[in-house]
Amino acid sequence: MSDIDIARKSNKLLISEIATKRLGLSIDDLYTFGKYKAKLSPSIGNKLKNKKNGKLILVTAISPTPAGEGKTTTTVGLGDGLNRIGKKAIICLREPSLGPCFGIKGGAAGGGYAQVVPMEDINLHFTGDFHAITSAHNLLSAMLDNHIHHGNELDLDARTLVHKRVLDMNDRALRQITCGMGGKANGYVRQDGFDITVASEVMAIFCLASSLEDLKQRLGNMIVGYSRSNQKPVFARDLNADGAMTALLKDAFQPNLVQTLENNPALVHGGPFANIAHGCNSVSATMTALKLGDYVITEAGFGADLGAEKFIDIKCRMAGLRPKAAVLVATIRALKFHGGVNQSEFNEENLKALEKGFPNLERHWRNIVDNYGLKCIVAINQFSSDSDAEIELIKSKVESLGGPVTLATHWANGGAGTEELANMVVAATEDSESSGHKYVYPDEITLWEKIEAIAQKIYGAAGITADKKIREQIKELSKSYPSYPVCIAKTQMSFSTDPLLRGAPNGHYVDIKEVRVSAGAGFIVVLTGNIMTMPGLPKKPSAELIGVDSDGNITGLF
C-alpha cells in the first residue's frame, strides 16, 4: 500500500485519549481540531515546570540523495521502538511545507509503517500554523510599504529594504517582482520579491522563542531596512508591527499534538528552512515534550554537517538544551551515490561503490563524536533493494570505527523494526560518560572565526574566502553582534559548496557570497553557493499526481 493508504487504514485513537492516557494530561489542557489533532494549552507550562526533563535524542543523517534518506521515518520508528520496549517516548518533528509537498520531495510525515497521522492534514493545512506565520510576515511587509507611502518618517532607504514577502509554495516567478505599480495611489514603486514561508525569519523566530513575551521581543528586533541618512537599521518595532504580528501568532505558537500509527504521542510544530535557517522544530514543543516524556526524539534538517551543527550551535545554545545521543541515519543507496553511482543504478549491488562512498558516513560519524561530543548510533535505513552483502559491509566498517550500528526496518515493520536501535539508544544515554554535547565554536570569537571553525572542523575545508566588501561587513557585524552564532546556508548534497562534489572532500574553500542579519532570530546567515530562498517546481511536480476521489479522499499524496 502507498503511504497515504497505510495512514488512512490505521486505527487512530481520539487525540483526547493520547493526551490523557499516554501523557497524563486533562481535557482542559487541549484545544482540539477535530478528532485526531489538538494544540496544547498555554497553561501546561506552569503545570509541568517543576518536572524533571527527559533525555533528548537527535536523529540526523549522512549527506542525502535528492529524495532524502529517511530521518523523519527513522525518528517516528525510533519513538515507536522505544515505546515498545517500555520507555515513555515522545517524538518532535517539524511541520511539512506545501512547497516540497507539491514539488519533488513529497510530504514529511514519515513513510510506510512509521508515520504520524492524520497524514493528509499534517502535510496540507494542519492547524493553520504556516498560514499564521505567512500572515504575520506579510503584515509587516504591508506596514513597511504603507509607512513609506505615508511620508517615510523613519527615512527608510527603499533601495536597501531587506524584508521580502512570503508564500508557502514553490513559485520561481515571484523571486523578483516590482511592487507599487499603477500610480501614486498604489504606493512607492520598488523592486521586491518573495521567499517561501519556511525561509521567513518569522518562522525561525517562531521556532526559537521560549514564550509569547520572547516571541514579541524577537519579532520587534527584525530588521526591515536601513535609513538613508546614516544606514542605521530600522526594526519592526519602529513600525509598531510587533504587537499585531504576535496577535496573529498567539494560537499558532502552542505545540500541535498528533499520534504515530502505533498510537504514540508526537508533537509536530514549526518548520524553518534547513539552509537559510536552523531546520529544527520549535523550542516550545521540544521543551514541553521533555517535561512529558522520559525520551524525546527529534530531528534536524538535511545531513549532520548542516542540521546537526545548527541544532547544536543554534537551538541548543539558545534554549539550553542538552542532547544525550545522536542517531546517524545511513542508506545503502546514498553511500552508492557518494561512491559515484547514478540514481538509476541504486538497485544493483555494488560493493566497490559502497567502499568508495563510506568516507561520507565516516566523516559525519566523527563530526558527531569528536566535534559535537555525542554518543552516535548508526541506523541503516533498509530499502528492499539492499543486499545482505551490502548491509554486512557497512556494518563491519562502522564497527571498525568503534560505533554501534544496526539495521532499521521501521518502514516495513514499524516499531518492531527499531527495537534493537531503541535498546542501543537507551544504553548510550545510560552510559556514565554520556554527559551531553559540546559546541563547535565558543561565543566570544569573531564571526569570521566561527565561520572558519565550521568550515574546517565540519566540512573538511582548507578555509573560507570572501571579497573585501563582505569581509568588512563581517568585521562590522562582529562588533554589533559579537555573541551571535552563525547559520551557514549551503547545499545539502555535499560537505563542500559544490553539490556535485560527493563523498568527503578535503582541502576545498568555502566562498561566502552574502551575509544577512537575522536579528530577531538571533543569528547571522552566511550564504554560500547558489542557495534559493524561493524554490521552483520541477518539470513534473508532485502536484500533478494529487487529487480527490468521489468519496472526498485525497489521492496521490506521499
Protein backbone atom coordinates (compact mmCIF):
# COMPACT_ATOMS: atom_id res chain seq x y z
CA MET A 1 0.00 0.00 0.00
CA SER A 2 1.03 3.61 -0.50
CA ASP A 3 1.88 5.78 2.49
CA ILE A 4 -1.47 7.53 2.31
CA ASP A 5 -3.34 4.20 2.14
CA ILE A 6 -1.46 2.88 5.18
CA ALA A 7 -2.20 6.07 7.09
CA ARG A 8 -5.88 6.06 6.14
CA LYS A 9 -6.38 2.44 7.25
CA SER A 10 -4.65 2.95 10.62
CA ASN A 11 -6.56 2.56 13.88
CA LYS A 12 -6.24 6.05 15.29
CA LEU A 13 -7.21 6.88 18.86
CA LEU A 14 -9.05 10.07 19.73
CA ILE A 15 -6.47 12.75 20.43
CA SER A 16 -8.04 13.22 23.87
CA GLU A 17 -7.09 9.61 24.66
CA ILE A 18 -3.50 10.18 23.55
CA ALA A 19 -3.33 13.23 25.83
CA THR A 20 -4.96 11.70 28.88
CA LYS A 21 -3.82 8.06 28.76
CA ARG A 22 -0.35 8.46 27.25
CA LEU A 23 0.71 11.87 28.55
CA GLY A 24 -1.28 12.24 31.76
CA LEU A 25 -2.90 15.48 30.67
CA SER A 26 -6.51 16.58 31.14
CA ILE A 27 -9.08 17.53 28.52
CA ASP A 28 -8.71 21.14 29.69
CA ASP A 29 -5.09 21.05 28.51
CA LEU A 30 -6.19 20.71 24.87
CA TYR A 31 -7.65 22.79 22.07
CA THR A 32 -8.90 20.09 19.71
CA PHE A 33 -9.04 20.35 15.91
CA GLY A 34 -11.48 17.56 15.14
CA LYS A 35 -10.90 14.03 16.43
CA TYR A 36 -7.21 13.45 15.83
CA LYS A 37 -5.23 16.64 16.32
CA ALA A 38 -5.01 19.27 19.02
CA LYS A 39 -2.99 22.17 20.34
CA LEU A 40 -1.67 22.12 23.89
CA SER A 41 -2.95 24.83 26.20
CA PRO A 42 -0.56 27.57 27.41
CA SER A 43 -1.39 26.52 30.99
CA ILE A 44 0.64 23.32 30.55
CA GLY A 45 3.88 25.23 31.08
CA ASN A 46 3.08 26.14 34.68
CA LYS A 47 1.75 22.65 35.40
CA LEU A 48 4.95 20.98 34.22
CA LYS A 49 7.64 23.48 35.21
CA ASN A 50 8.86 21.51 38.23
CA LYS A 51 9.05 18.17 36.41
CA LYS A 52 12.45 16.70 35.60
CA ASN A 53 13.43 16.79 31.92
CA GLY A 54 13.60 13.59 29.89
CA LYS A 55 16.53 12.63 27.66
CA LEU A 56 16.86 14.36 24.30
CA ILE A 57 17.94 12.26 21.29
CA LEU A 58 18.84 13.80 17.92
CA VAL A 59 18.21 11.97 14.65
CA THR A 60 20.43 13.19 11.81
CA ALA A 61 21.81 11.70 8.58
CA ILE A 62 24.65 11.36 6.13
CA SER A 63 24.69 13.66 3.09
CA PRO A 64 21.46 12.78 1.28
CA THR A 65 20.37 11.89 -2.21
CA PRO A 66 17.79 14.31 -3.69
CA ALA A 67 14.93 12.25 -2.20
CA GLY A 68 16.28 12.24 1.38
CA GLU A 69 17.38 9.28 3.48
CA GLY A 70 14.51 8.84 5.93
CA LYS A 71 15.28 10.95 9.01
CA THR A 72 11.61 11.62 9.72
CA THR A 73 10.67 7.98 9.15
CA THR A 74 13.51 6.89 11.46
CA THR A 75 12.52 9.44 14.11
CA VAL A 76 8.98 8.07 14.10
CA GLY A 77 10.18 4.45 14.04
CA LEU A 78 12.59 5.02 16.91
CA GLY A 79 9.88 6.67 19.00
CA ASP A 80 7.62 3.67 18.41
CA GLY A 81 10.51 1.30 19.16
CA LEU A 82 11.28 2.97 22.48
CA ASN A 83 7.65 2.73 23.49
CA ARG A 84 7.61 -0.96 22.51
CA ILE A 85 10.48 -1.69 24.93
CA GLY A 86 8.63 0.05 27.75
CA LYS A 87 10.01 3.59 27.62
CA LYS A 88 7.80 6.68 27.66
CA ALA A 89 8.95 8.34 24.44
CA ILE A 90 7.63 11.36 22.54
CA ILE A 91 8.72 12.44 19.07
CA CYS A 92 9.16 16.07 17.99
CA LEU A 93 9.00 16.88 14.29
CA ARG A 94 8.82 19.89 12.00
CA GLU A 95 5.61 20.65 10.15
CA PRO A 96 5.78 19.97 6.38
CA SER A 97 5.85 22.85 3.91
CA LEU A 98 3.50 22.84 0.94
CA GLY A 99 6.46 23.67 -1.33
CA PRO A 100 8.16 20.24 -1.31
CA CYS A 101 4.81 18.51 -0.79
CA PHE A 102 3.63 19.71 -4.22
CA GLY A 103 7.15 19.83 -5.66
CA ILE A 104 9.50 16.85 -5.81
CA LYS A 105 10.24 15.58 -2.30
CA GLY A 106 6.69 14.97 -1.10
CA GLY A 107 5.37 15.29 2.44
CA ALA A 108 7.20 14.99 5.75
CA ALA A 109 5.05 12.81 7.98
CA GLY A 110 7.24 9.71 7.74
CA GLY A 111 6.57 6.74 5.49
CA GLY A 112 5.48 3.13 5.34
CA TYR A 113 4.61 1.86 8.82
CA ALA A 114 6.49 4.65 10.58
CA GLN A 115 4.23 7.69 10.12
CA VAL A 116 2.48 10.38 12.09
CA VAL A 117 -1.24 10.75 11.43
CA PRO A 118 -3.60 12.17 10.21
CA MET A 119 -1.13 12.22 7.32
CA GLU A 120 -3.21 14.29 4.88
CA ASP A 121 -3.91 17.01 7.45
CA ILE A 122 -0.31 17.25 8.64
CA ASN A 123 1.02 17.53 5.07
CA LEU A 124 -1.55 20.11 3.98
CA HIS A 125 -3.19 22.83 6.12
CA PHE A 126 -2.82 21.05 9.51
CA THR A 127 -3.80 23.52 12.28
CA GLY A 128 -3.06 26.61 10.19
CA ASP A 129 0.32 27.46 11.75
CA PHE A 130 2.05 28.18 8.44
CA HIS A 131 -0.85 30.35 7.32
CA ALA A 132 -0.50 32.37 10.54
CA ILE A 133 3.26 32.74 10.01
CA THR A 134 2.71 33.80 6.40
CA SER A 135 0.12 36.36 7.52
CA ALA A 136 2.32 37.78 10.28
CA HIS A 137 5.26 38.12 7.89
CA ASN A 138 3.17 39.79 5.17
CA LEU A 139 1.52 42.11 7.67
CA LEU A 140 4.99 43.51 8.36
CA SER A 141 5.57 43.79 4.60
CA ALA A 142 2.33 45.74 4.17
CA MET A 143 3.09 48.04 7.11
CA LEU A 144 6.56 48.68 5.74
CA ASP A 145 5.28 49.81 2.34
CA ASN A 146 2.46 51.73 3.98
CA HIS A 147 4.95 53.65 6.11
CA ILE A 148 6.93 54.71 3.04
CA HIS A 149 3.73 55.68 1.22
CA HIS A 150 2.60 57.94 4.07
CA GLY A 151 5.72 60.07 4.34
CA ASN A 152 8.51 57.73 5.44
CA GLU A 153 9.19 59.33 8.84
CA LEU A 154 11.83 56.70 9.59
CA ASP A 155 13.76 57.82 6.47
CA LEU A 156 13.91 54.26 5.12
CA ASP A 157 16.03 53.76 2.01
CA ALA A 158 13.70 51.89 -0.36
CA ARG A 159 16.77 50.58 -2.19
CA THR A 160 18.07 48.73 0.87
CA LEU A 161 14.90 47.14 2.25
CA VAL A 162 15.67 43.58 3.37
CA HIS A 163 12.17 42.33 4.23
CA LYS A 164 10.51 40.49 1.35
CA ARG A 165 7.08 38.89 1.17
CA VAL A 166 6.47 35.15 1.60
CA LEU A 167 4.27 32.38 0.26
CA ASP A 168 4.26 28.70 1.29
CA MET A 169 4.56 27.43 -2.26
CA ASN A 170 7.34 26.85 -4.79
CA ASP A 171 6.92 29.73 -7.27
CA ARG A 172 10.06 30.86 -9.11
CA ALA A 173 8.13 33.63 -10.95
CA LEU A 174 7.83 35.55 -7.66
CA ARG A 175 11.52 35.58 -6.74
CA GLN A 176 11.88 39.09 -8.15
CA ILE A 177 8.90 41.43 -8.56
CA THR A 178 8.16 45.14 -8.91
CA CYS A 179 5.52 46.42 -6.49
CA GLY A 180 3.68 49.73 -6.27
CA MET A 181 2.93 49.90 -9.99
CA GLY A 182 -0.14 51.69 -11.33
CA GLY A 183 0.20 55.20 -9.98
CA LYS A 184 0.85 57.12 -6.78
CA ALA A 185 -2.22 55.73 -5.03
CA ASN A 186 -0.68 52.25 -5.12
CA GLY A 187 2.43 53.17 -3.17
CA TYR A 188 6.11 53.60 -3.86
CA VAL A 189 7.43 51.76 -6.92
CA ARG A 190 10.31 49.49 -5.94
CA GLN A 191 11.83 46.10 -6.52
CA ASP A 192 10.72 43.37 -4.14
CA GLY A 193 10.43 39.58 -4.10
CA PHE A 194 9.04 36.52 -2.39
CA ASP A 195 10.68 33.82 -0.27
CA ILE A 196 8.99 30.58 0.67
CA THR A 197 7.36 30.79 4.12
CA VAL A 198 9.77 28.33 5.71
CA ALA A 199 12.63 30.72 4.79
CA SER A 200 10.95 33.61 6.64
CA GLU A 201 12.74 34.99 9.67
CA VAL A 202 9.33 34.94 11.35
CA MET A 203 9.43 31.14 11.04
CA ALA A 204 12.90 30.99 12.60
CA ILE A 205 11.77 33.29 15.43
CA PHE A 206 8.60 31.24 15.94
CA CYS A 207 10.73 28.12 16.46
CA LEU A 208 13.35 29.69 18.76
CA ALA A 209 11.08 31.77 21.03
CA SER A 210 10.60 30.43 24.53
CA SER A 211 7.40 32.35 25.37
CA LEU A 212 4.92 34.83 23.90
CA GLU A 213 6.90 37.66 25.52
CA ASP A 214 10.10 36.38 23.93
CA LEU A 215 8.27 35.96 20.62
CA LYS A 216 7.11 39.59 20.65
CA GLN A 217 10.56 40.90 21.53
CA ARG A 218 12.23 38.86 18.78
CA LEU A 219 9.64 39.96 16.20
CA GLY A 220 10.30 43.57 17.18
CA ASN A 221 14.04 43.02 16.65
CA MET A 222 13.60 42.06 12.99
CA ILE A 223 15.49 44.42 10.68
CA VAL A 224 13.32 45.62 7.78
CA GLY A 225 15.76 48.05 6.15
CA TYR A 226 18.23 50.87 6.72
CA SER A 227 17.88 54.64 6.93
CA ARG A 228 19.04 56.85 4.08
CA SER A 229 20.89 59.34 6.27
CA ASN A 230 23.17 57.04 8.27
CA GLN A 231 22.39 53.47 7.11
CA LYS A 232 21.33 52.52 10.64
CA PRO A 233 18.98 49.52 10.89
CA VAL A 234 15.23 50.11 11.14
CA PHE A 235 13.34 47.47 13.12
CA ALA A 236 9.84 46.03 13.03
CA ARG A 237 9.23 47.61 16.43
CA ASP A 238 9.91 51.03 14.87
CA LEU A 239 6.87 50.37 12.65
CA ASN A 240 4.86 49.27 15.72
CA ALA A 241 4.23 45.97 13.96
CA ASP A 242 5.42 43.53 16.65
CA GLY A 243 2.22 43.58 18.70
CA ALA A 244 -0.11 42.78 15.80
CA MET A 245 2.29 40.13 14.48
CA THR A 246 2.29 38.45 17.90
CA ALA A 247 -1.51 38.55 17.95
CA LEU A 248 -1.59 36.65 14.65
CA LEU A 249 0.81 34.04 16.04
CA LYS A 250 -0.64 33.66 19.54
CA ASP A 251 -2.63 30.47 18.91
CA ALA A 252 -0.19 29.02 16.38
CA PHE A 253 2.58 29.28 18.99
CA GLN A 254 1.07 26.40 21.01
CA PRO A 255 2.52 22.97 20.06
CA ASN A 256 0.44 20.54 17.99
CA LEU A 257 -0.28 17.06 19.35
CA VAL A 258 -0.87 14.12 16.99
CA GLN A 259 0.00 10.39 17.09
CA THR A 260 2.02 7.74 15.29
CA LEU A 261 0.48 4.76 13.54
CA GLU A 262 1.15 2.87 16.79
CA ASN A 263 -0.75 5.49 18.83
CA ASN A 264 2.30 7.07 20.44
CA PRO A 265 2.32 10.85 21.07
CA ALA A 266 4.02 13.22 18.65
CA LEU A 267 4.45 16.99 18.78
CA VAL A 268 4.66 18.45 15.26
CA HIS A 269 5.37 22.17 15.37
CA GLY A 270 7.21 24.75 13.24
CA GLY A 271 9.42 24.14 10.23
CA PRO A 272 12.26 26.55 9.38
CA PHE A 273 14.26 26.04 6.19
CA ALA A 274 17.31 23.90 6.95
CA ASN A 275 19.54 26.08 4.74
CA ILE A 276 18.62 29.69 5.38
CA ALA A 277 17.63 28.93 9.00
CA HIS A 278 18.33 26.24 11.59
CA GLY A 279 15.97 23.50 10.35
CA CYS A 280 14.60 22.27 13.69
CA ASN A 281 11.14 22.01 15.24
CA SER A 282 10.08 24.62 17.81
CA VAL A 283 11.82 25.11 21.15
CA SER A 284 8.40 25.33 22.79
CA ALA A 285 7.44 21.84 21.53
CA THR A 286 10.81 20.32 22.48
CA MET A 287 10.75 21.83 25.98
CA THR A 288 7.16 20.67 26.52
CA ALA A 289 7.99 17.14 25.34
CA LEU A 290 10.99 16.96 27.69
CA LYS A 291 8.62 17.55 30.61
CA LEU A 292 6.08 14.97 29.38
CA GLY A 293 8.34 12.07 28.35
CA ASP A 294 11.37 10.12 29.52
CA TYR A 295 12.82 10.16 26.00
CA VAL A 296 12.30 12.85 23.34
CA ILE A 297 13.30 12.00 19.77
CA THR A 298 13.78 14.94 17.41
CA GLU A 299 15.37 15.57 14.02
CA ALA A 300 17.32 18.33 12.29
CA GLY A 301 17.16 19.08 8.57
CA PHE A 302 19.49 17.59 5.95
CA GLY A 303 22.81 15.92 6.87
CA ALA A 304 24.77 16.19 10.10
CA ASP A 305 27.02 18.88 8.58
CA LEU A 306 24.02 21.24 8.32
CA GLY A 307 21.12 20.19 10.53
CA ALA A 308 23.03 18.67 13.43
CA GLU A 309 25.53 21.54 13.55
CA LYS A 310 22.75 24.14 13.68
CA PHE A 311 20.81 22.05 16.20
CA ILE A 312 23.88 22.10 18.46
CA ASP A 313 25.27 25.59 17.83
CA ILE A 314 21.97 27.50 17.47
CA LYS A 315 18.99 25.70 19.00
CA CYS A 316 20.75 24.02 21.93
CA ARG A 317 22.85 27.11 22.63
CA MET A 318 19.82 29.42 22.74
CA ALA A 319 17.44 27.09 24.59
CA GLY A 320 19.93 25.50 26.99
CA LEU A 321 19.17 22.01 25.66
CA ARG A 322 21.48 19.08 26.46
CA PRO A 323 21.10 16.22 23.96
CA LYS A 324 22.32 12.85 25.21
CA ALA A 325 22.95 10.94 21.99
CA ALA A 326 22.56 11.05 18.22
CA VAL A 327 21.32 8.55 15.67
CA LEU A 328 23.02 8.83 12.27
CA VAL A 329 20.71 7.58 9.50
CA ALA A 330 22.52 5.99 6.57
CA THR A 331 21.24 4.24 3.46
CA ILE A 332 22.95 1.91 1.05
CA ARG A 333 21.69 3.98 -1.88
CA ALA A 334 23.18 7.22 -0.52
CA LEU A 335 26.56 5.59 0.07
CA LYS A 336 26.49 4.27 -3.50
CA PHE A 337 25.59 7.79 -4.62
CA HIS A 338 28.68 9.14 -2.85
CA GLY A 339 30.65 6.34 -4.44
CA GLY A 340 29.76 7.67 -7.89
CA VAL A 341 26.66 5.62 -8.75
CA ASN A 342 23.76 7.26 -10.59
CA GLN A 343 20.24 7.08 -9.18
CA SER A 344 19.15 4.72 -11.98
CA GLU A 345 21.63 2.12 -10.66
CA PHE A 346 20.73 2.25 -6.94
CA ASN A 347 19.02 -1.15 -7.04
CA GLU A 348 22.10 -3.01 -8.31
CA GLU A 349 24.54 -4.49 -5.79
CA ASN A 350 27.80 -2.54 -5.87
CA LEU A 351 30.25 -3.20 -3.02
CA LYS A 352 33.00 -1.19 -4.70
CA ALA A 353 30.84 1.94 -4.78
CA LEU A 354 29.93 1.40 -1.12
CA GLU A 355 33.60 1.27 -0.20
CA LYS A 356 34.21 4.47 -2.13
CA GLY A 357 31.20 6.25 -0.60
CA PHE A 358 31.80 5.19 3.00
CA PRO A 359 34.08 8.17 3.87
CA ASN A 360 30.95 10.36 3.78
CA LEU A 361 29.42 8.34 6.62
CA GLU A 362 32.73 8.22 8.47
CA ARG A 363 33.15 11.99 8.45
CA HIS A 364 29.60 12.56 9.71
CA TRP A 365 30.20 9.98 12.45
CA ARG A 366 33.48 11.60 13.51
CA ASN A 367 31.87 15.06 13.49
CA ILE A 368 29.11 13.85 15.81
CA VAL A 369 31.51 12.09 18.18
CA ASP A 370 34.50 14.46 18.09
CA ASN A 371 33.05 17.88 17.27
CA TYR A 372 29.53 17.63 18.77
CA GLY A 373 30.62 15.44 21.69
CA LEU A 374 27.74 12.98 21.40
CA LYS A 375 27.43 9.22 21.50
CA CYS A 376 26.47 8.11 17.99
CA ILE A 377 24.49 5.08 16.83
CA VAL A 378 24.36 4.37 13.09
CA ALA A 379 20.96 3.22 11.81
CA ILE A 380 20.96 1.65 8.35
CA ASN A 381 17.54 2.54 6.99
CA GLN A 382 16.76 -0.52 4.91
CA PHE A 383 15.41 -0.42 1.37
CA SER A 384 14.07 -3.53 -0.36
CA SER A 385 16.90 -3.43 -2.91
CA ASP A 386 19.67 -3.64 -0.27
CA SER A 387 21.60 -6.90 -0.48
CA ASP A 388 22.84 -8.86 2.56
CA ALA A 389 26.43 -8.38 1.40
CA GLU A 390 25.99 -4.60 1.20
CA ILE A 391 24.44 -4.43 4.66
CA GLU A 392 27.17 -6.57 6.20
CA LEU A 393 29.89 -4.46 4.56
CA ILE A 394 28.53 -1.24 6.07
CA LYS A 395 28.03 -2.85 9.47
CA SER A 396 31.62 -4.11 9.55
CA LYS A 397 33.03 -0.74 8.50
CA VAL A 398 31.02 1.17 11.15
CA GLU A 399 32.05 -1.35 13.81
CA SER A 400 35.69 -0.77 12.82
CA LEU A 401 35.16 2.89 13.78
CA GLY A 402 34.11 1.73 17.24
CA GLY A 403 30.47 2.72 16.90
CA PRO A 404 27.28 0.73 17.39
CA VAL A 405 25.32 0.02 14.21
CA THR A 406 22.02 -1.68 13.48
CA LEU A 407 19.70 -2.41 10.59
CA ALA A 408 16.43 -0.49 11.00
CA THR A 409 13.35 -1.92 9.26
CA HIS A 410 10.74 0.50 10.60
CA TRP A 411 9.42 1.44 7.14
CA ALA A 412 8.21 -2.14 6.71
CA ASN A 413 7.77 -3.24 10.34
CA GLY A 414 7.05 -0.10 12.37
CA GLY A 415 8.38 0.00 15.93
CA ALA A 416 9.20 -3.72 15.83
CA GLY A 417 11.87 -2.86 13.27
CA THR A 418 13.69 -0.46 15.63
CA GLU A 419 13.74 -2.37 18.94
CA GLU A 420 17.47 -3.06 18.64
CA LEU A 421 18.09 0.60 17.78
CA ALA A 422 15.95 1.66 20.75
CA ASN A 423 17.96 -0.55 23.13
CA MET A 424 21.20 0.90 21.74
CA VAL A 425 19.90 4.44 22.35
CA VAL A 426 18.93 3.59 25.92
CA ALA A 427 22.37 2.05 26.55
CA ALA A 428 24.10 5.14 25.13
CA THR A 429 22.12 7.54 27.32
CA GLU A 430 22.62 5.48 30.48
CA ASP A 431 26.39 5.41 29.99
CA SER A 432 28.05 7.49 32.71
CA GLU A 433 30.29 9.07 30.07
CA SER A 434 27.25 10.41 28.16
CA SER A 435 27.26 13.86 29.77
CA GLY A 436 25.99 15.91 26.85
CA HIS A 437 27.27 17.80 23.85
CA LYS A 438 29.86 20.46 23.08
CA TYR A 439 29.72 23.41 20.68
CA VAL A 440 31.79 23.67 17.51
CA TYR A 441 32.90 27.19 18.50
CA PRO A 442 32.71 29.43 21.58
CA ASP A 443 30.55 32.57 21.80
CA GLU A 444 33.39 35.00 22.22
CA ILE A 445 35.37 34.53 18.98
CA THR A 446 34.69 36.69 15.91
CA LEU A 447 32.11 35.85 13.25
CA TRP A 448 34.87 35.14 10.75
CA GLU A 449 36.47 32.68 13.18
CA LYS A 450 33.09 31.00 13.81
CA ILE A 451 32.51 30.51 10.08
CA GLU A 452 36.06 29.24 9.69
CA ALA A 453 35.65 26.78 12.57
CA ILE A 454 32.57 25.21 10.96
CA ALA A 455 34.19 25.08 7.51
CA GLN A 456 37.40 23.48 8.72
CA LYS A 457 36.12 21.22 11.51
CA ILE A 458 32.84 20.07 9.97
CA TYR A 459 33.21 20.44 6.19
CA GLY A 460 36.89 19.45 5.92
CA ALA A 461 37.65 22.73 4.14
CA ALA A 462 41.05 24.36 3.97
CA GLY A 463 39.48 27.72 4.82
CA ILE A 464 36.96 30.36 3.85
CA THR A 465 37.09 33.18 1.32
CA ALA A 466 35.12 36.36 0.67
CA ASP A 467 35.61 39.59 -1.25
CA LYS A 468 36.76 42.73 0.54
CA LYS A 469 33.25 44.18 0.90
CA ILE A 470 31.90 41.06 2.61
CA ARG A 471 34.99 40.81 4.83
CA GLU A 472 34.39 44.37 6.01
CA GLN A 473 30.70 43.61 6.56
CA ILE A 474 31.55 40.56 8.68
CA LYS A 475 34.04 42.65 10.68
CA GLU A 476 31.40 45.29 11.42
CA LEU A 477 28.77 42.68 12.30
CA SER A 478 31.20 41.13 14.79
CA LYS A 479 31.20 44.44 16.63
CA SER A 480 27.41 44.83 16.56
CA TYR A 481 26.51 41.18 17.25
CA PRO A 482 29.58 39.70 18.98
CA SER A 483 27.86 36.71 20.58
CA TYR A 484 25.60 35.67 17.68
CA PRO A 485 26.01 32.15 16.28
CA VAL A 486 26.31 31.70 12.53
CA CYS A 487 23.84 29.88 10.28
CA ILE A 488 25.61 28.74 7.13
CA ALA A 489 23.41 28.30 4.06
CA LYS A 490 24.97 25.82 1.65
CA THR A 491 23.98 22.83 -0.44
CA GLN A 492 22.90 19.75 1.49
CA MET A 493 24.30 17.45 -1.21
CA SER A 494 27.98 17.84 -0.30
CA PHE A 495 30.36 18.78 2.50
CA SER A 496 31.55 21.44 0.06
CA THR A 497 29.55 24.23 -1.56
CA ASP A 498 29.54 22.29 -4.84
CA PRO A 499 26.55 19.89 -4.94
CA LEU A 500 28.35 17.69 -7.47
CA LEU A 501 31.33 17.06 -5.16
CA ARG A 502 30.32 13.83 -3.43
CA GLY A 503 31.92 11.71 -0.72
CA ALA A 504 34.08 13.50 1.84
CA PRO A 505 36.12 16.16 0.01
CA ASN A 506 39.09 17.83 1.72
CA GLY A 507 41.06 20.99 1.12
CA HIS A 508 38.29 22.91 -0.64
CA TYR A 509 37.41 26.54 0.18
CA VAL A 510 34.04 27.87 1.30
CA ASP A 511 33.39 31.11 -0.55
CA ILE A 512 30.98 33.48 1.21
CA LYS A 513 28.60 35.11 -1.28
CA GLU A 514 26.40 37.14 1.08
CA VAL A 515 25.83 37.82 4.78
CA ARG A 516 22.45 38.65 6.35
CA VAL A 517 21.47 39.62 9.86
CA SER A 518 18.55 37.74 11.42
CA ALA A 519 18.45 40.00 14.46
CA GLY A 520 15.10 38.67 15.65
CA ALA A 521 16.12 35.03 15.38
CA GLY A 522 19.47 35.92 16.88
CA PHE A 523 21.93 34.58 14.32
CA ILE A 524 23.95 35.69 11.28
CA VAL A 525 23.10 33.95 7.99
CA VAL A 526 26.10 33.21 5.77
CA LEU A 527 25.15 32.33 2.19
CA THR A 528 27.41 30.19 0.02
CA GLY A 529 26.98 28.66 -3.41
CA ASN A 530 23.62 29.06 -5.15
CA ILE A 531 21.10 28.84 -2.33
CA MET A 532 17.49 29.60 -3.32
CA THR A 533 15.09 31.02 -0.74
CA MET A 534 12.17 30.56 -3.14
CA PRO A 535 12.37 27.15 -4.85
CA GLY A 536 10.78 26.36 -8.19
CA LEU A 537 8.64 23.42 -9.25
CA PRO A 538 10.22 20.58 -11.28
CA LYS A 539 9.09 19.74 -14.79
CA LYS A 540 6.75 17.06 -13.38
CA PRO A 541 5.70 18.31 -9.94
CA SER A 542 4.06 16.01 -7.40
CA ALA A 543 1.02 18.29 -7.59
CA GLU A 544 0.13 16.67 -10.92
CA LEU A 545 -0.49 13.36 -9.11
CA ILE A 546 -2.61 14.71 -6.25
CA GLY A 547 -6.37 14.78 -6.38
CA VAL A 548 -9.61 13.91 -4.59
CA ASP A 549 -11.75 10.83 -5.33
CA SER A 550 -15.55 10.67 -5.46
CA ASP A 551 -15.71 9.90 -1.73
CA GLY A 552 -13.73 13.02 -0.87
CA ASN A 553 -10.47 11.16 -0.11
CA ILE A 554 -7.20 12.81 -1.11
CA THR A 555 -5.15 10.69 -3.51
CA GLY A 556 -1.54 10.81 -4.72
CA LEU A 557 -0.07 12.42 -1.60
CA PHE A 558 3.19 10.88 -0.43
